[in-house]
PDB file of all heavy atoms in Angstrom:
ATOM      1  N   GLY A   1      16.316  44.076 -48.242  1.00  0.00           N
ATOM      2  CA  GLY A   1      16.711  44.568 -49.557  1.00  0.00           C
ATOM      3  C   GLY A   1      16.124  45.906 -49.934  1.00  0.00           C
ATOM      4  O   GLY A   1      16.625  46.567 -50.849  1.00  0.00           O
ATOM      5  N   SER A   2      15.021  46.290 -49.292  1.00  0.00           N
ATOM      6  CA  SER A   2      14.426  47.580 -49.604  1.00  0.00           C
ATOM      7  C   SER A   2      13.937  48.202 -48.317  1.00  0.00           C
ATOM      8  O   SER A   2      13.560  47.480 -47.377  1.00  0.00           O
ATOM      9  CB  SER A   2      13.285  47.430 -50.629  1.00  0.00           C
ATOM     10  OG  SER A   2      12.259  46.638 -50.098  1.00  0.00           O
ATOM     11  N   THR A   3      13.888  49.518 -48.292  1.00  0.00           N
ATOM     12  CA  THR A   3      13.391  50.280 -47.153  1.00  0.00           C
ATOM     13  C   THR A   3      12.516  51.399 -47.627  1.00  0.00           C
ATOM     14  O   THR A   3      12.528  51.791 -48.789  1.00  0.00           O
ATOM     15  CB  THR A   3      14.537  50.848 -46.299  1.00  0.00           C
ATOM     16  OG1 THR A   3      15.369  51.688 -47.136  1.00  0.00           O
ATOM     17  CG2 THR A   3      15.397  49.759 -45.710  1.00  0.00           C
ATOM     18  N   ALA A   4      11.681  51.898 -46.706  1.00  0.00           N
ATOM     19  CA  ALA A   4      10.827  53.026 -46.994  1.00  0.00           C
ATOM     20  C   ALA A   4      10.765  53.917 -45.754  1.00  0.00           C
ATOM     21  O   ALA A   4      10.846  53.441 -44.650  1.00  0.00           O
ATOM     22  CB  ALA A   4       9.429  52.562 -47.383  1.00  0.00           C
ATOM     23  N   TYR A   5      10.687  55.245 -45.982  1.00  0.00           N
ATOM     24  CA  TYR A   5      10.654  56.213 -44.905  1.00  0.00           C
ATOM     25  C   TYR A   5       9.605  57.280 -45.136  1.00  0.00           C
ATOM     26  O   TYR A   5       9.336  57.642 -46.273  1.00  0.00           O
ATOM     27  CB  TYR A   5      12.017  56.899 -44.754  1.00  0.00           C
ATOM     28  CG  TYR A   5      13.157  55.996 -44.403  1.00  0.00           C
ATOM     29  CD1 TYR A   5      13.938  55.402 -45.394  1.00  0.00           C
ATOM     30  CD2 TYR A   5      13.445  55.711 -43.078  1.00  0.00           C
ATOM     31  CE1 TYR A   5      15.005  54.555 -45.064  1.00  0.00           C
ATOM     32  CE2 TYR A   5      14.488  54.882 -42.750  1.00  0.00           C
ATOM     33  CZ  TYR A   5      15.254  54.309 -43.726  1.00  0.00           C
ATOM     34  OH  TYR A   5      16.292  53.481 -43.404  1.00  0.00           O
ATOM     35  N   ALA A   6       9.039  57.733 -44.052  1.00  0.00           N
ATOM     36  CA  ALA A   6       8.186  58.914 -44.119  1.00  0.00           C
ATOM     37  C   ALA A   6       9.055  60.121 -44.454  1.00  0.00           C
ATOM     38  O   ALA A   6      10.238  60.157 -44.053  1.00  0.00           O
ATOM     39  CB  ALA A   6       7.462  59.169 -42.812  1.00  0.00           C
ATOM     40  N   ASP A   7       8.507  61.065 -45.198  1.00  0.00           N
ATOM     41  CA  ASP A   7       9.270  62.239 -45.554  1.00  0.00           C
ATOM     42  C   ASP A   7       9.786  63.009 -44.354  1.00  0.00           C
ATOM     43  O   ASP A   7      10.873  63.611 -44.377  1.00  0.00           O
ATOM     44  CB  ASP A   7       8.428  63.201 -46.412  1.00  0.00           C
ATOM     45  CG  ASP A   7       8.185  62.643 -47.816  1.00  0.00           C
ATOM     46  OD1 ASP A   7       8.963  61.754 -48.251  1.00  0.00           O
ATOM     47  OD2 ASP A   7       7.256  63.145 -48.470  1.00  0.00           O
ATOM     48  N   SER A   8       9.043  62.976 -43.240  1.00  0.00           N
ATOM     49  CA  SER A   8       9.405  63.719 -42.079  1.00  0.00           C
ATOM     50  C   SER A   8      10.664  63.207 -41.374  1.00  0.00           C
ATOM     51  O   SER A   8      11.272  63.944 -40.630  1.00  0.00           O
ATOM     52  CB  SER A   8       8.237  63.708 -41.082  1.00  0.00           C
ATOM     53  OG  SER A   8       7.901  62.399 -40.691  1.00  0.00           O
ATOM     54  N   VAL A   9      11.043  61.949 -41.648  1.00  0.00           N
ATOM     55  CA  VAL A   9      12.223  61.377 -41.008  1.00  0.00           C
ATOM     56  C   VAL A   9      13.312  61.012 -41.976  1.00  0.00           C
ATOM     57  O   VAL A   9      14.416  60.618 -41.563  1.00  0.00           O
ATOM     58  CB  VAL A   9      11.842  60.149 -40.166  1.00  0.00           C
ATOM     59  CG1 VAL A   9      10.727  60.484 -39.206  1.00  0.00           C
ATOM     60  CG2 VAL A   9      11.441  58.974 -41.073  1.00  0.00           C
ATOM     61  N   LYS A  10      13.066  61.155 -43.250  1.00  0.00           N
ATOM     62  CA  LYS A  10      14.049  60.754 -44.258  1.00  0.00           C
ATOM     63  C   LYS A  10      15.349  61.573 -44.109  1.00  0.00           C
ATOM     64  O   LYS A  10      15.316  62.798 -43.923  1.00  0.00           O
ATOM     65  CB  LYS A  10      13.437  60.965 -45.650  1.00  0.00           C
ATOM     66  CG  LYS A  10      14.226  60.323 -46.768  1.00  0.00           C
ATOM     67  CD  LYS A  10      13.443  60.418 -48.084  1.00  0.00           C
ATOM     68  CE  LYS A  10      12.100  59.716 -47.984  1.00  0.00           C
ATOM     69  NZ  LYS A  10      11.351  59.796 -49.292  1.00  0.00           N
ATOM     70  N   GLY A  11      16.445  60.870 -44.095  1.00  0.00           N
ATOM     71  CA  GLY A  11      17.754  61.498 -43.880  1.00  0.00           C
ATOM     72  C   GLY A  11      18.172  61.559 -42.456  1.00  0.00           C
ATOM     73  O   GLY A  11      19.348  61.847 -42.166  1.00  0.00           O
ATOM     74  N   ARG A  12      17.248  61.314 -41.521  1.00  0.00           N
ATOM     75  CA  ARG A  12      17.559  61.354 -40.101  1.00  0.00           C
ATOM     76  C   ARG A  12      17.454  59.981 -39.437  1.00  0.00           C
ATOM     77  O   ARG A  12      18.211  59.683 -38.508  1.00  0.00           O
ATOM     78  CB  ARG A  12      16.646  62.322 -39.377  1.00  0.00           C
ATOM     79  CG  ARG A  12      16.751  63.761 -39.872  1.00  0.00           C
ATOM     80  CD  ARG A  12      15.975  64.719 -38.996  1.00  0.00           C
ATOM     81  NE  ARG A  12      14.514  64.433 -39.024  1.00  0.00           N
ATOM     82  CZ  ARG A  12      13.781  64.102 -37.942  1.00  0.00           C
ATOM     83  NH1 ARG A  12      14.388  64.050 -36.742  1.00  0.00           N
ATOM     84  NH2 ARG A  12      12.513  63.854 -38.038  1.00  0.00           N
ATOM     85  N   PHE A  13      16.505  59.189 -39.885  1.00  0.00           N
ATOM     86  CA  PHE A  13      16.268  57.857 -39.315  1.00  0.00           C
ATOM     87  C   PHE A  13      16.749  56.782 -40.254  1.00  0.00           C
ATOM     88  O   PHE A  13      16.659  56.922 -41.470  1.00  0.00           O
ATOM     89  CB  PHE A  13      14.781  57.636 -39.026  1.00  0.00           C
ATOM     90  CG  PHE A  13      14.187  58.473 -37.922  1.00  0.00           C
ATOM     91  CD1 PHE A  13      14.908  59.527 -37.332  1.00  0.00           C
ATOM     92  CD2 PHE A  13      12.919  58.208 -37.483  1.00  0.00           C
ATOM     93  CE1 PHE A  13      14.337  60.285 -36.353  1.00  0.00           C
ATOM     94  CE2 PHE A  13      12.326  58.955 -36.446  1.00  0.00           C
ATOM     95  CZ  PHE A  13      13.068  60.003 -35.893  1.00  0.00           C
ATOM     96  N   THR A  14      17.171  55.662 -39.708  1.00  0.00           N
ATOM     97  CA  THR A  14      17.622  54.503 -40.479  1.00  0.00           C
ATOM     98  C   THR A  14      17.038  53.222 -39.866  1.00  0.00           C
ATOM     99  O   THR A  14      17.250  52.960 -38.691  1.00  0.00           O
ATOM    100  CB  THR A  14      19.153  54.409 -40.541  1.00  0.00           C
ATOM    101  OG1 THR A  14      19.707  55.618 -41.054  1.00  0.00           O
ATOM    102  CG2 THR A  14      19.554  53.227 -41.446  1.00  0.00           C
ATOM    103  N   ILE A  15      16.344  52.465 -40.698  1.00  0.00           N
ATOM    104  CA  ILE A  15      15.820  51.182 -40.240  1.00  0.00           C
ATOM    105  C   ILE A  15      16.750  50.084 -40.741  1.00  0.00           C
ATOM    106  O   ILE A  15      17.300  50.161 -41.851  1.00  0.00           O
ATOM    107  CB  ILE A  15      14.374  50.944 -40.750  1.00  0.00           C
ATOM    108  CG1 ILE A  15      13.772  49.699 -40.103  1.00  0.00           C
ATOM    109  CG2 ILE A  15      14.308  50.877 -42.266  1.00  0.00           C
ATOM    110  CD1 ILE A  15      12.267  49.532 -40.380  1.00  0.00           C
ATOM    111  N   SER A  16      16.947  49.091 -39.895  1.00  0.00           N
ATOM    112  CA  SER A  16      17.779  47.937 -40.263  1.00  0.00           C
ATOM    113  C   SER A  16      17.264  46.699 -39.525  1.00  0.00           C
ATOM    114  O   SER A  16      16.439  46.806 -38.625  1.00  0.00           O
ATOM    115  CB  SER A  16      19.254  48.207 -39.934  1.00  0.00           C
ATOM    116  OG  SER A  16      19.442  48.407 -38.547  1.00  0.00           O
ATOM    117  N   ARG A  17      17.782  45.551 -39.915  1.00  0.00           N
ATOM    118  CA  ARG A  17      17.377  44.338 -39.244  1.00  0.00           C
ATOM    119  C   ARG A  17      18.526  43.339 -39.194  1.00  0.00           C
ATOM    120  O   ARG A  17      19.415  43.355 -40.045  1.00  0.00           O
ATOM    121  CB  ARG A  17      16.145  43.713 -39.944  1.00  0.00           C
ATOM    122  CG  ARG A  17      16.421  43.175 -41.357  1.00  0.00           C
ATOM    123  CD  ARG A  17      15.091  42.799 -42.042  1.00  0.00           C
ATOM    124  NE  ARG A  17      14.368  41.762 -41.317  1.00  0.00           N
ATOM    125  CZ  ARG A  17      13.076  41.497 -41.474  1.00  0.00           C
ATOM    126  NH1 ARG A  17      12.323  42.280 -42.289  1.00  0.00           N
ATOM    127  NH2 ARG A  17      12.498  40.522 -40.798  1.00  0.00           N
ATOM    128  N   ASP A  18      18.475  42.484 -38.198  1.00  0.00           N
ATOM    129  CA  ASP A  18      19.424  41.397 -38.036  1.00  0.00           C
ATOM    130  C   ASP A  18      18.574  40.151 -37.837  1.00  0.00           C
ATOM    131  O   ASP A  18      18.125  39.868 -36.721  1.00  0.00           O
ATOM    132  CB  ASP A  18      20.351  41.646 -36.865  1.00  0.00           C
ATOM    133  CG  ASP A  18      21.450  40.607 -36.724  1.00  0.00           C
ATOM    134  OD1 ASP A  18      21.287  39.497 -37.328  1.00  0.00           O
ATOM    135  OD2 ASP A  18      22.455  40.858 -36.057  1.00  0.00           O
ATOM    136  N   ASN A  19      18.370  39.402 -38.900  1.00  0.00           N
ATOM    137  CA  ASN A  19      17.482  38.272 -38.833  1.00  0.00           C
ATOM    138  C   ASN A  19      18.015  37.154 -37.958  1.00  0.00           C
ATOM    139  O   ASN A  19      17.275  36.368 -37.381  1.00  0.00           O
ATOM    140  CB  ASN A  19      17.206  37.739 -40.251  1.00  0.00           C
ATOM    141  CG  ASN A  19      16.244  38.625 -41.022  1.00  0.00           C
ATOM    142  OD1 ASN A  19      15.621  39.509 -40.475  1.00  0.00           O
ATOM    143  ND2 ASN A  19      16.154  38.394 -42.334  1.00  0.00           N
ATOM    144  N   ALA A  20      19.343  37.066 -37.848  1.00  0.00           N
ATOM    145  CA  ALA A  20      19.936  36.073 -36.962  1.00  0.00           C
ATOM    146  C   ALA A  20      19.620  36.338 -35.509  1.00  0.00           C
ATOM    147  O   ALA A  20      19.593  35.428 -34.679  1.00  0.00           O
ATOM    148  CB  ALA A  20      21.444  36.040 -37.135  1.00  0.00           C
ATOM    149  N   LYS A  21      19.323  37.604 -35.162  1.00  0.00           N
ATOM    150  CA  LYS A  21      18.982  37.972 -33.788  1.00  0.00           C
ATOM    151  C   LYS A  21      17.512  38.261 -33.611  1.00  0.00           C
ATOM    152  O   LYS A  21      17.076  38.659 -32.549  1.00  0.00           O
ATOM    153  CB  LYS A  21      19.785  39.216 -33.371  1.00  0.00           C
ATOM    154  CG  LYS A  21      21.288  39.000 -33.319  1.00  0.00           C
ATOM    155  CD  LYS A  21      22.006  40.264 -32.884  1.00  0.00           C
ATOM    156  CE  LYS A  21      23.540  40.016 -32.841  1.00  0.00           C
ATOM    157  NZ  LYS A  21      24.251  41.255 -32.405  1.00  0.00           N
ATOM    158  N   ASN A  22      16.716  38.045 -34.685  1.00  0.00           N
ATOM    159  CA  ASN A  22      15.282  38.311 -34.605  1.00  0.00           C
ATOM    160  C   ASN A  22      14.988  39.728 -34.113  1.00  0.00           C
ATOM    161  O   ASN A  22      14.097  39.950 -33.302  1.00  0.00           O
ATOM    162  CB  ASN A  22      14.582  37.289 -33.708  1.00  0.00           C
ATOM    163  CG  ASN A  22      14.294  35.970 -34.410  1.00  0.00           C
ATOM    164  OD1 ASN A  22      14.806  35.699 -35.464  1.00  0.00           O
ATOM    165  ND2 ASN A  22      13.474  35.152 -33.761  1.00  0.00           N
ATOM    166  N   THR A  23      15.737  40.690 -34.646  1.00  0.00           N
ATOM    167  CA  THR A  23      15.627  42.054 -34.150  1.00  0.00           C
ATOM    168  C   THR A  23      15.642  43.044 -35.312  1.00  0.00           C
ATOM    169  O   THR A  23      16.361  42.882 -36.263  1.00  0.00           O
ATOM    170  CB  THR A  23      16.795  42.364 -33.194  1.00  0.00           C
ATOM    171  OG1 THR A  23      16.784  41.453 -32.125  1.00  0.00           O
ATOM    172  CG2 THR A  23      16.653  43.782 -32.635  1.00  0.00           C
ATOM    173  N   VAL A  24      14.777  44.066 -35.184  1.00  0.00           N
ATOM    174  CA  VAL A  24      14.769  45.198 -36.095  1.00  0.00           C
ATOM    175  C   VAL A  24      15.129  46.447 -35.326  1.00  0.00           C
ATOM    176  O   VAL A  24      14.776  46.564 -34.116  1.00  0.00           O
ATOM    177  CB  VAL A  24      13.406  45.319 -36.829  1.00  0.00           C
ATOM    178  CG1 VAL A  24      12.283  45.609 -35.838  1.00  0.00           C
ATOM    179  CG2 VAL A  24      13.473  46.397 -37.906  1.00  0.00           C
ATOM    180  N   TYR A  25      15.812  47.414 -35.942  1.00  0.00           N
ATOM    181  CA  TYR A  25      16.291  48.579 -35.253  1.00  0.00           C
ATOM    182  C   TYR A  25      15.815  49.845 -35.959  1.00  0.00           C
ATOM    183  O   TYR A  25      15.507  49.837 -37.177  1.00  0.00           O
ATOM    184  CB  TYR A  25      17.835  48.612 -35.282  1.00  0.00           C
ATOM    185  CG  TYR A  25      18.479  47.397 -34.683  1.00  0.00           C
ATOM    186  CD1 TYR A  25      18.891  46.343 -35.509  1.00  0.00           C
ATOM    187  CD2 TYR A  25      18.695  47.268 -33.335  1.00  0.00           C
ATOM    188  CE1 TYR A  25      19.473  45.222 -34.988  1.00  0.00           C
ATOM    189  CE2 TYR A  25      19.265  46.170 -32.768  1.00  0.00           C
ATOM    190  CZ  TYR A  25      19.664  45.124 -33.579  1.00  0.00           C
ATOM    191  OH  TYR A  25      20.303  44.000 -33.060  1.00  0.00           O
ATOM    192  N   LEU A  26      15.728  50.895 -35.207  1.00  0.00           N
ATOM    193  CA  LEU A  26      15.472  52.212 -35.765  1.00  0.00           C
ATOM    194  C   LEU A  26      16.478  53.189 -35.146  1.00  0.00           C
ATOM    195  O   LEU A  26      16.365  53.536 -33.961  1.00  0.00           O
ATOM    196  CB  LEU A  26      14.054  52.681 -35.501  1.00  0.00           C
ATOM    197  CG  LEU A  26      13.660  54.006 -36.143  1.00  0.00           C
ATOM    198  CD1 LEU A  26      13.579  53.850 -37.648  1.00  0.00           C
ATOM    199  CD2 LEU A  26      12.329  54.524 -35.577  1.00  0.00           C
ATOM    200  N   GLN A  27      17.450  53.561 -35.924  1.00  0.00           N
ATOM    201  CA  GLN A  27      18.424  54.541 -35.496  1.00  0.00           C
ATOM    202  C   GLN A  27      17.903  55.936 -35.799  1.00  0.00           C
ATOM    203  O   GLN A  27      17.593  56.248 -36.953  1.00  0.00           O
ATOM    204  CB  GLN A  27      19.760  54.366 -36.249  1.00  0.00           C
ATOM    205  CG  GLN A  27      20.825  55.355 -35.899  1.00  0.00           C
ATOM    206  CD  GLN A  27      21.305  55.262 -34.484  1.00  0.00           C
ATOM    207  OE1 GLN A  27      21.539  54.174 -34.004  1.00  0.00           O
ATOM    208  NE2 GLN A  27      21.484  56.409 -33.819  1.00  0.00           N
ATOM    209  N   MET A  28      17.761  56.757 -34.765  1.00  0.00           N
ATOM    210  CA  MET A  28      17.203  58.063 -34.888  1.00  0.00           C
ATOM    211  C   MET A  28      18.231  59.120 -34.545  1.00  0.00           C
ATOM    212  O   MET A  28      18.706  59.173 -33.388  1.00  0.00           O
ATOM    213  CB  MET A  28      15.952  58.202 -33.964  1.00  0.00           C
ATOM    214  CG  MET A  28      14.901  57.138 -34.191  1.00  0.00           C
ATOM    215  SD  MET A  28      13.391  57.399 -33.184  1.00  0.00           S
ATOM    216  CE  MET A  28      14.093  57.189 -31.554  1.00  0.00           C
ATOM    217  N   ASP A  29      18.575  59.901 -35.524  1.00  0.00           N
ATOM    218  CA  ASP A  29      19.546  60.977 -35.336  1.00  0.00           C
ATOM    219  C   ASP A  29      18.928  62.338 -35.577  1.00  0.00           C
ATOM    220  O   ASP A  29      17.840  62.436 -36.152  1.00  0.00           O
ATOM    221  CB  ASP A  29      20.710  60.796 -36.343  1.00  0.00           C
ATOM    222  CG  ASP A  29      21.485  59.504 -36.156  1.00  0.00           C
ATOM    223  OD1 ASP A  29      21.711  59.127 -34.973  1.00  0.00           O
ATOM    224  OD2 ASP A  29      21.882  58.887 -37.148  1.00  0.00           O
ATOM    225  N   SER A  30      19.561  63.367 -35.108  1.00  0.00           N
ATOM    226  CA  SER A  30      19.062  64.741 -35.282  1.00  0.00           C
ATOM    227  C   SER A  30      17.608  64.859 -34.834  1.00  0.00           C
ATOM    228  O   SER A  30      16.765  65.433 -35.541  1.00  0.00           O
ATOM    229  CB  SER A  30      19.214  65.182 -36.737  1.00  0.00           C
ATOM    230  OG  SER A  30      20.571  65.121 -37.144  1.00  0.00           O
ATOM    231  N   LEU A  31      17.320  64.348 -33.678  1.00  0.00           N
ATOM    232  CA  LEU A  31      15.938  64.318 -33.187  1.00  0.00           C
ATOM    233  C   LEU A  31      15.389  65.716 -32.948  1.00  0.00           C
ATOM    234  O   LEU A  31      16.109  66.610 -32.542  1.00  0.00           O
ATOM    235  CB  LEU A  31      15.873  63.497 -31.918  1.00  0.00           C
ATOM    236  CG  LEU A  31      15.912  61.985 -32.142  1.00  0.00           C
ATOM    237  CD1 LEU A  31      16.246  61.245 -30.836  1.00  0.00           C
ATOM    238  CD2 LEU A  31      14.550  61.499 -32.673  1.00  0.00           C
ATOM    239  N   LYS A  32      14.102  65.842 -33.223  1.00  0.00           N
ATOM    240  CA  LYS A  32      13.386  67.100 -33.051  1.00  0.00           C
ATOM    241  C   LYS A  32      12.257  66.903 -32.069  1.00  0.00           C
ATOM    242  O   LYS A  32      11.757  65.800 -31.907  1.00  0.00           O
ATOM    243  CB  LYS A  32      12.805  67.549 -34.405  1.00  0.00           C
ATOM    244  CG  LYS A  32      13.819  67.688 -35.540  1.00  0.00           C
ATOM    245  CD  LYS A  32      13.128  67.995 -36.847  1.00  0.00           C
ATOM    246  CE  LYS A  32      14.099  68.123 -37.966  1.00  0.00           C
ATOM    247  NZ  LYS A  32      13.426  68.399 -39.264  1.00  0.00           N
ATOM    248  N   PRO A  33      11.807  67.994 -31.443  1.00  0.00           N
ATOM    249  CA  PRO A  33      10.672  67.858 -30.509  1.00  0.00           C
ATOM    250  C   PRO A  33       9.450  67.243 -31.139  1.00  0.00           C
ATOM    251  O   PRO A  33       8.712  66.498 -30.468  1.00  0.00           O
ATOM    252  CB  PRO A  33      10.386  69.294 -30.086  1.00  0.00           C
ATOM    253  CG  PRO A  33      11.745  69.968 -30.175  1.00  0.00           C
ATOM    254  CD  PRO A  33      12.407  69.346 -31.379  1.00  0.00           C
ATOM    255  N   GLU A  34       9.219  67.450 -32.426  1.00  0.00           N
ATOM    256  CA  GLU A  34       8.058  66.870 -33.087  1.00  0.00           C
ATOM    257  C   GLU A  34       8.190  65.370 -33.298  1.00  0.00           C
ATOM    258  O   GLU A  34       7.227  64.735 -33.760  1.00  0.00           O
ATOM    259  CB  GLU A  34       7.783  67.566 -34.447  1.00  0.00           C
ATOM    260  CG  GLU A  34       9.007  67.697 -35.309  1.00  0.00           C
ATOM    261  CD  GLU A  34       9.695  69.027 -35.199  1.00  0.00           C
ATOM    262  OE1 GLU A  34       9.856  69.526 -34.067  1.00  0.00           O
ATOM    263  OE2 GLU A  34      10.052  69.611 -36.262  1.00  0.00           O
TER     264      GLU A  34
END
């Protein structure tokens, strides 16, 4: 129901979860060398 992000990744990364699969995800877009 709620999420939190570091400022450095906000707008680029998305965290989600599927409790039925016991799995959490991190979708990372627009990746940077840092």
